[in-house]
Amino acid sequence: MIQRNREWRQSFSLAKQYQTLNLVEEFMDKFVNEDASKQTKKATYADTDLKRAEA
């Protein structure tokens, strides 16, 4: 699993990794979480870690 994670990080830019994580999170909120109608606005990965990583 660690090796796969390293390969994934080397294959995709940091921005693309965060885009993917945001898409998965959005999918989970809309289609998986039982109480999706009560989801609150929260910071995305791109809003937090990507800006910090590029600084």
Protein backbone atom coordinates (compact mmCIF):
# COMPACT_ATOMS: atom_id res chain seq x y z
CA MET A 1 0.00 0.00 0.00
CA ILE A 2 2.88 2.38 0.77
CA GLN A 3 4.48 1.64 -2.60
CA ARG A 4 1.19 2.32 -4.41
CA ASN A 5 0.87 5.61 -2.56
CA ARG A 6 4.38 6.63 -3.64
CA GLU A 7 3.63 5.72 -7.26
CA TRP A 8 0.37 7.68 -7.14
CA ARG A 9 2.14 10.76 -5.75
CA GLN A 10 4.82 10.57 -8.44
CA SER A 11 2.29 10.10 -11.25
CA PHE A 12 0.02 13.05 -10.45
CA SER A 13 0.77 16.65 -9.60
CA LEU A 14 -0.20 17.89 -6.16
CA ALA A 15 -3.03 19.92 -7.71
CA LYS A 16 -4.41 16.82 -9.47
CA GLN A 17 -4.21 14.80 -6.24
CA TYR A 18 -6.27 17.41 -4.41
CA GLN A 19 -8.78 17.64 -7.27
CA THR A 20 -9.27 13.89 -7.00
CA LEU A 21 -9.70 14.01 -3.23
CA ASN A 22 -12.24 16.83 -3.55
CA LEU A 23 -14.21 14.89 -6.16
CA VAL A 24 -14.32 11.79 -3.96
CA GLU A 25 -15.38 13.87 -0.98
CA GLU A 26 -18.14 15.54 -3.01
CA PHE A 27 -19.34 12.14 -4.27
CA MET A 28 -19.42 10.78 -0.71
CA ASP A 29 -21.38 13.80 0.52
CA LYS A 30 -23.98 13.56 -2.23
CA PHE A 31 -24.43 9.83 -2.69
CA VAL A 32 -23.08 7.92 0.29
CA ASN A 33 -23.54 9.87 3.50
CA GLU A 34 -26.87 9.10 5.10
CA ASP A 35 -27.62 12.68 6.04
CA ALA A 36 -26.32 14.43 2.91
CA SER A 37 -29.06 17.04 3.09
CA LYS A 38 -27.50 18.44 6.28
CA GLN A 39 -23.95 18.78 4.94
CA THR A 40 -22.27 22.04 5.79
CA LYS A 41 -19.83 24.05 3.73
CA LYS A 42 -16.30 23.07 4.59
CA ALA A 43 -12.89 23.92 3.24
CA THR A 44 -11.70 21.72 0.41
CA TYR A 45 -8.25 20.18 0.16
CA ALA A 46 -7.32 22.69 -2.51
CA ASP A 47 -8.37 25.57 -0.29
CA THR A 48 -6.02 24.52 2.49
CA ASP A 49 -3.15 22.14 1.81
CA LEU A 50 -2.50 23.03 -1.83
CA LYS A 51 -2.01 26.72 -1.05
CA ARG A 52 0.28 25.80 1.84
CA ALA A 53 2.29 23.36 -0.32
CA GLU A 54 2.82 25.92 -3.07
CA ALA A 55 4.02 28.61 -0.62
